[in-house]
Amino acid sequence: GGAGEFAGAAGARKGGYILLDPEDHRPDAIIMATGSEVQYAVKAAKELALDGVKTRVVSLPCLEWFEAQPPAYKDQVLPPDVKARVSVEAGIAMPWYKYLGDAGIAISVETYGASASQSELYQKFAINADSVRMTLLNSIENAKI
């Protein structure tokens, strides 16, 4: 991809923003991520695009700030009619559920005390582009029901 592919940092001040979007801005599915997990969300979205699944990546560095935004902004970033959603965070999933909806699926680390390198932990807990992609496909199935 070239320049202009990623959104500016102004959205970070709102706690959440569209980082990567399909060209027509009409996503089939949304991946929400934070911190170092964003890279896996972007990679998964690019792979999904090759399969014809138009995926939006939303970076949510601060859920509290995002929560404080006007409903119109939140709906613009996370359109209510896009039910297929995945959240990716190397932490607990609890704060994400209100944004996941009925069909969404959280990828998270709910255990404590695992000590290893970051890459080993990410493999152990299946936080990688492949698991994000597969999980989103499951969410798309959920959304059809």
C-alpha atoms as a PDB file:
ATOM      1  CA  GLY A   1       0.000   0.000   0.000  1.00  0.00           C
ATOM      2  CA  GLY A   2       0.992   3.590  -0.532  1.00  0.00           C
ATOM      3  CA  ALA A   3       0.690   6.807   1.414  1.00  0.00           C
ATOM      4  CA  GLY A   4      -2.748   7.814   2.579  1.00  0.00           C
ATOM      5  CA  GLU A   5      -3.666   4.248   3.451  1.00  0.00           C
ATOM      6  CA  PHE A   6      -3.777   4.873   7.186  1.00  0.00           C
ATOM      7  CA  ALA A   7      -5.819   7.456   9.024  1.00  0.00           C
ATOM      8  CA  GLY A   8      -4.144  10.354  10.793  1.00  0.00           C
ATOM      9  CA  ALA A   9      -3.518  10.440  14.518  1.00  0.00           C
ATOM     10  CA  ALA A  10      -6.240  13.035  15.135  1.00  0.00           C
ATOM     11  CA  GLY A  11      -8.620  10.142  15.724  1.00  0.00           C
ATOM     12  CA  ALA A  12      -6.426   8.894  18.556  1.00  0.00           C
ATOM     13  CA  ARG A  13      -7.568  11.870  20.618  1.00  0.00           C
ATOM     14  CA  LYS A  14     -11.116  10.550  20.238  1.00  0.00           C
ATOM     15  CA  GLY A  15     -10.044   7.231  21.726  1.00  0.00           C
ATOM     16  CA  GLY A  16     -10.883   5.306  18.580  1.00  0.00           C
ATOM     17  CA  TYR A  17     -10.765   5.810  14.833  1.00  0.00           C
ATOM     18  CA  ILE A  18     -10.845   4.043  11.474  1.00  0.00           C
ATOM     19  CA  LEU A  19      -7.297   2.973  10.698  1.00  0.00           C
ATOM     20  CA  LEU A  20      -7.888   0.996   7.519  1.00  0.00           C
ATOM     21  CA  ASP A  21     -11.061   0.864   5.452  1.00  0.00           C
ATOM     22  CA  PRO A  22     -12.321  -0.671   2.211  1.00  0.00           C
ATOM     23  CA  GLU A  23     -12.240   1.750  -0.720  1.00  0.00           C
ATOM     24  CA  ASP A  24     -16.025   2.200  -0.724  1.00  0.00           C
ATOM     25  CA  HIS A  25     -16.113   2.703   3.081  1.00  0.00           C
ATOM     26  CA  ARG A  26     -18.795   0.006   3.317  1.00  0.00           C
ATOM     27  CA  PRO A  27     -17.205  -2.758   5.379  1.00  0.00           C
ATOM     28  CA  ASP A  28     -18.650  -6.264   5.713  1.00  0.00           C
ATOM     29  CA  ALA A  29     -16.858  -6.697   9.008  1.00  0.00           C
ATOM     30  CA  ILE A  30     -14.864  -4.813  11.628  1.00  0.00           C
ATOM     31  CA  ILE A  31     -11.715  -5.720  13.533  1.00  0.00           C
ATOM     32  CA  MET A  32     -11.149  -3.621  16.661  1.00  0.00           C
ATOM     33  CA  ALA A  33      -7.662  -3.642  18.129  1.00  0.00           C
ATOM     34  CA  THR A  34      -5.340  -1.758  20.391  1.00  0.00           C
ATOM     35  CA  GLY A  35      -1.594  -1.368  20.801  1.00  0.00           C
ATOM     36  CA  SER A  36       0.679  -3.949  19.244  1.00  0.00           C
ATOM     37  CA  GLU A  37      -2.335  -6.069  18.257  1.00  0.00           C
ATOM     38  CA  VAL A  38      -3.225  -3.543  15.540  1.00  0.00           C
ATOM     39  CA  GLN A  39      -0.558  -5.027  13.245  1.00  0.00           C
ATOM     40  CA  TYR A  40      -2.342  -8.413  13.293  1.00  0.00           C
ATOM     41  CA  ALA A  41      -5.683  -6.738  12.611  1.00  0.00           C
ATOM     42  CA  VAL A  42      -4.240  -4.935   9.565  1.00  0.00           C
ATOM     43  CA  LYS A  43      -2.590  -8.090   8.225  1.00  0.00           C
ATOM     44  CA  ALA A  44      -5.802 -10.089   8.706  1.00  0.00           C
ATOM     45  CA  ALA A  45      -7.866  -7.365   6.993  1.00  0.00           C
ATOM     46  CA  LYS A  46      -5.545  -7.370   3.977  1.00  0.00           C
ATOM     47  CA  GLU A  47      -5.773 -11.174   3.723  1.00  0.00           C
ATOM     48  CA  LEU A  48      -9.570 -11.035   4.073  1.00  0.00           C
ATOM     49  CA  ALA A  49      -9.750  -8.425   1.301  1.00  0.00           C
ATOM     50  CA  LEU A  50      -8.106 -10.943  -1.030  1.00  0.00           C
ATOM     51  CA  ASP A  51     -11.005 -13.297  -0.197  1.00  0.00           C
ATOM     52  CA  GLY A  52     -13.514 -10.557  -0.993  1.00  0.00           C
ATOM     53  CA  VAL A  53     -14.335  -9.715   2.620  1.00  0.00           C
ATOM     54  CA  LYS A  54     -14.288  -5.935   3.000  1.00  0.00           C
ATOM     55  CA  THR A  55     -12.883  -5.330   6.459  1.00  0.00           C
ATOM     56  CA  ARG A  56     -12.490  -2.146   8.470  1.00  0.00           C
ATOM     57  CA  VAL A  57      -9.752  -1.950  11.095  1.00  0.00           C
ATOM     58  CA  VAL A  58     -10.606   0.295  14.029  1.00  0.00           C
ATOM     59  CA  SER A  59      -7.839   1.303  16.399  1.00  0.00           C
ATOM     60  CA  LEU A  60      -9.183   1.862  19.920  1.00  0.00           C
ATOM     61  CA  PRO A  61      -6.255   3.118  22.009  1.00  0.00           C
ATOM     62  CA  CYS A  62      -8.544   4.465  24.733  1.00  0.00           C
ATOM     63  CA  LEU A  63     -12.009   3.015  25.248  1.00  0.00           C
ATOM     64  CA  GLU A  64     -12.835   5.666  27.878  1.00  0.00           C
ATOM     65  CA  TRP A  65     -12.180   8.514  25.437  1.00  0.00           C
ATOM     66  CA  PHE A  66     -14.080   6.701  22.689  1.00  0.00           C
ATOM     67  CA  GLU A  67     -16.999   6.154  25.049  1.00  0.00           C
ATOM     68  CA  ALA A  68     -17.146   9.929  25.629  1.00  0.00           C
ATOM     69  CA  GLN A  69     -17.617  10.712  21.914  1.00  0.00           C
ATOM     70  CA  PRO A  70     -21.013  11.677  20.472  1.00  0.00           C
ATOM     71  CA  PRO A  71     -23.124   8.684  19.346  1.00  0.00           C
ATOM     72  CA  ALA A  72     -22.890   9.875  15.728  1.00  0.00           C
ATOM     73  CA  TYR A  73     -19.104   9.573  15.811  1.00  0.00           C
ATOM     74  CA  LYS A  74     -19.198   6.126  17.429  1.00  0.00           C
ATOM     75  CA  ASP A  75     -21.742   4.948  14.826  1.00  0.00           C
ATOM     76  CA  GLN A  76     -19.557   6.345  12.032  1.00  0.00           C
ATOM     77  CA  VAL A  77     -16.552   4.361  13.297  1.00  0.00           C
ATOM     78  CA  LEU A  78     -18.574   1.267  14.277  1.00  0.00           C
ATOM     79  CA  PRO A  79     -21.683   1.229  12.036  1.00  0.00           C
ATOM     80  CA  PRO A  80     -24.476  -0.554  13.942  1.00  0.00           C
ATOM     81  CA  ASP A  81     -25.496  -2.519  10.833  1.00  0.00           C
ATOM     82  CA  VAL A  82     -22.060  -4.177  10.576  1.00  0.00           C
ATOM     83  CA  LYS A  83     -22.607  -7.107  12.941  1.00  0.00           C
ATOM     84  CA  ALA A  84     -19.503  -9.165  12.120  1.00  0.00           C
ATOM     85  CA  ARG A  85     -16.878  -7.923  14.562  1.00  0.00           C
ATOM     86  CA  VAL A  86     -13.751  -9.122  16.310  1.00  0.00           C
ATOM     87  CA  SER A  87     -11.804  -7.431  19.081  1.00  0.00           C
ATOM     88  CA  VAL A  88      -8.138  -8.234  19.604  1.00  0.00           C
ATOM     89  CA  GLU A  89      -6.392  -7.418  22.841  1.00  0.00           C
ATOM     90  CA  ALA A  90      -3.628  -9.090  24.835  1.00  0.00           C
ATOM     91  CA  GLY A  91      -5.644  -8.420  27.953  1.00  0.00           C
ATOM     92  CA  ILE A  92      -9.108  -9.198  29.254  1.00  0.00           C
ATOM     93  CA  ALA A  93     -12.034  -8.884  26.859  1.00  0.00           C
ATOM     94  CA  MET A  94     -14.537  -7.406  29.307  1.00  0.00           C
ATOM     95  CA  PRO A  95     -14.507  -3.757  28.124  1.00  0.00           C
ATOM     96  CA  TRP A  96     -15.016  -4.808  24.506  1.00  0.00           C
ATOM     97  CA  TYR A  97     -18.322  -6.624  24.797  1.00  0.00           C
ATOM     98  CA  LYS A  98     -20.535  -3.555  24.435  1.00  0.00           C
ATOM     99  CA  TYR A  99     -18.945  -2.944  21.022  1.00  0.00           C
ATOM    100  CA  LEU A 100     -18.919  -6.573  19.909  1.00  0.00           C
ATOM    101  CA  GLY A 101     -22.690  -7.018  19.860  1.00  0.00           C
ATOM    102  CA  ASP A 102     -24.423 -10.367  19.445  1.00  0.00           C
ATOM    103  CA  ALA A 103     -22.322 -11.723  16.575  1.00  0.00           C
ATOM    104  CA  GLY A 104     -18.921 -10.379  17.622  1.00  0.00           C
ATOM    105  CA  ILE A 105     -16.110 -12.472  19.086  1.00  0.00           C
ATOM    106  CA  ALA A 106     -13.318 -11.360  21.413  1.00  0.00           C
ATOM    107  CA  ILE A 107      -9.744 -12.589  21.059  1.00  0.00           C
ATOM    108  CA  SER A 108      -8.160 -11.945  24.429  1.00  0.00           C
ATOM    109  CA  VAL A 109      -5.872 -13.267  27.119  1.00  0.00           C
ATOM    110  CA  GLU A 110      -7.930 -14.099  30.179  1.00  0.00           C
ATOM    111  CA  THR A 111      -5.205 -15.825  32.166  1.00  0.00           C
ATOM    112  CA  TYR A 112      -2.564 -14.449  34.485  1.00  0.00           C
ATOM    113  CA  GLY A 113       1.011 -15.393  35.193  1.00  0.00           C
ATOM    114  CA  ALA A 114       2.183 -16.600  31.795  1.00  0.00           C
ATOM    115  CA  SER A 115       5.772 -15.488  31.406  1.00  0.00           C
ATOM    116  CA  ALA A 116       7.547 -15.798  28.100  1.00  0.00           C
ATOM    117  CA  SER A 117       8.625 -13.532  25.282  1.00  0.00           C
ATOM    118  CA  GLN A 118       5.872 -11.519  23.620  1.00  0.00           C
ATOM    119  CA  SER A 119       6.006 -13.584  20.444  1.00  0.00           C
ATOM    120  CA  GLU A 120       5.781 -16.832  22.397  1.00  0.00           C
ATOM    121  CA  LEU A 121       2.836 -15.537  24.405  1.00  0.00           C
ATOM    122  CA  TYR A 122       1.078 -14.408  21.243  1.00  0.00           C
ATOM    123  CA  GLN A 123       1.508 -17.898  19.753  1.00  0.00           C
ATOM    124  CA  LYS A 124       0.324 -19.524  22.998  1.00  0.00           C
ATOM    125  CA  PHE A 125      -2.816 -17.391  23.082  1.00  0.00           C
ATOM    126  CA  ALA A 126      -3.335 -17.464  19.296  1.00  0.00           C
ATOM    127  CA  ILE A 127      -3.034 -13.732  18.842  1.00  0.00           C
ATOM    128  CA  ASN A 128      -1.881 -13.511  15.251  1.00  0.00           C
ATOM    129  CA  ALA A 129      -3.244 -12.489  11.875  1.00  0.00           C
ATOM    130  CA  ASP A 130      -4.396 -16.007  11.066  1.00  0.00           C
ATOM    131  CA  SER A 131      -6.476 -16.399  14.214  1.00  0.00           C
ATOM    132  CA  VAL A 132      -7.922 -12.917  13.725  1.00  0.00           C
ATOM    133  CA  ARG A 133      -8.917 -13.816  10.164  1.00  0.00           C
ATOM    134  CA  MET A 134     -10.491 -17.159  11.148  1.00  0.00           C
ATOM    135  CA  THR A 135     -12.305 -15.604  14.097  1.00  0.00           C
ATOM    136  CA  LEU A 136     -13.740 -12.876  11.895  1.00  0.00           C
ATOM    137  CA  LEU A 137     -15.019 -15.465   9.411  1.00  0.00           C
ATOM    138  CA  ASN A 138     -16.769 -17.162  12.352  1.00  0.00           C
ATOM    139  CA  SER A 139     -18.284 -13.829  13.361  1.00  0.00           C
ATOM    140  CA  ILE A 140     -19.546 -13.304   9.806  1.00  0.00           C
ATOM    141  CA  GLU A 141     -21.307 -16.669  10.075  1.00  0.00           C
ATOM    142  CA  ASN A 142     -22.777 -15.612  13.444  1.00  0.00           C
ATOM    143  CA  ALA A 143     -24.027 -12.383  11.894  1.00  0.00           C
ATOM    144  CA  LYS A 144     -25.995 -14.285   9.249  1.00  0.00           C
ATOM    145  CA  ILE A 145     -28.025 -16.213  11.806  1.00  0.00           C
END
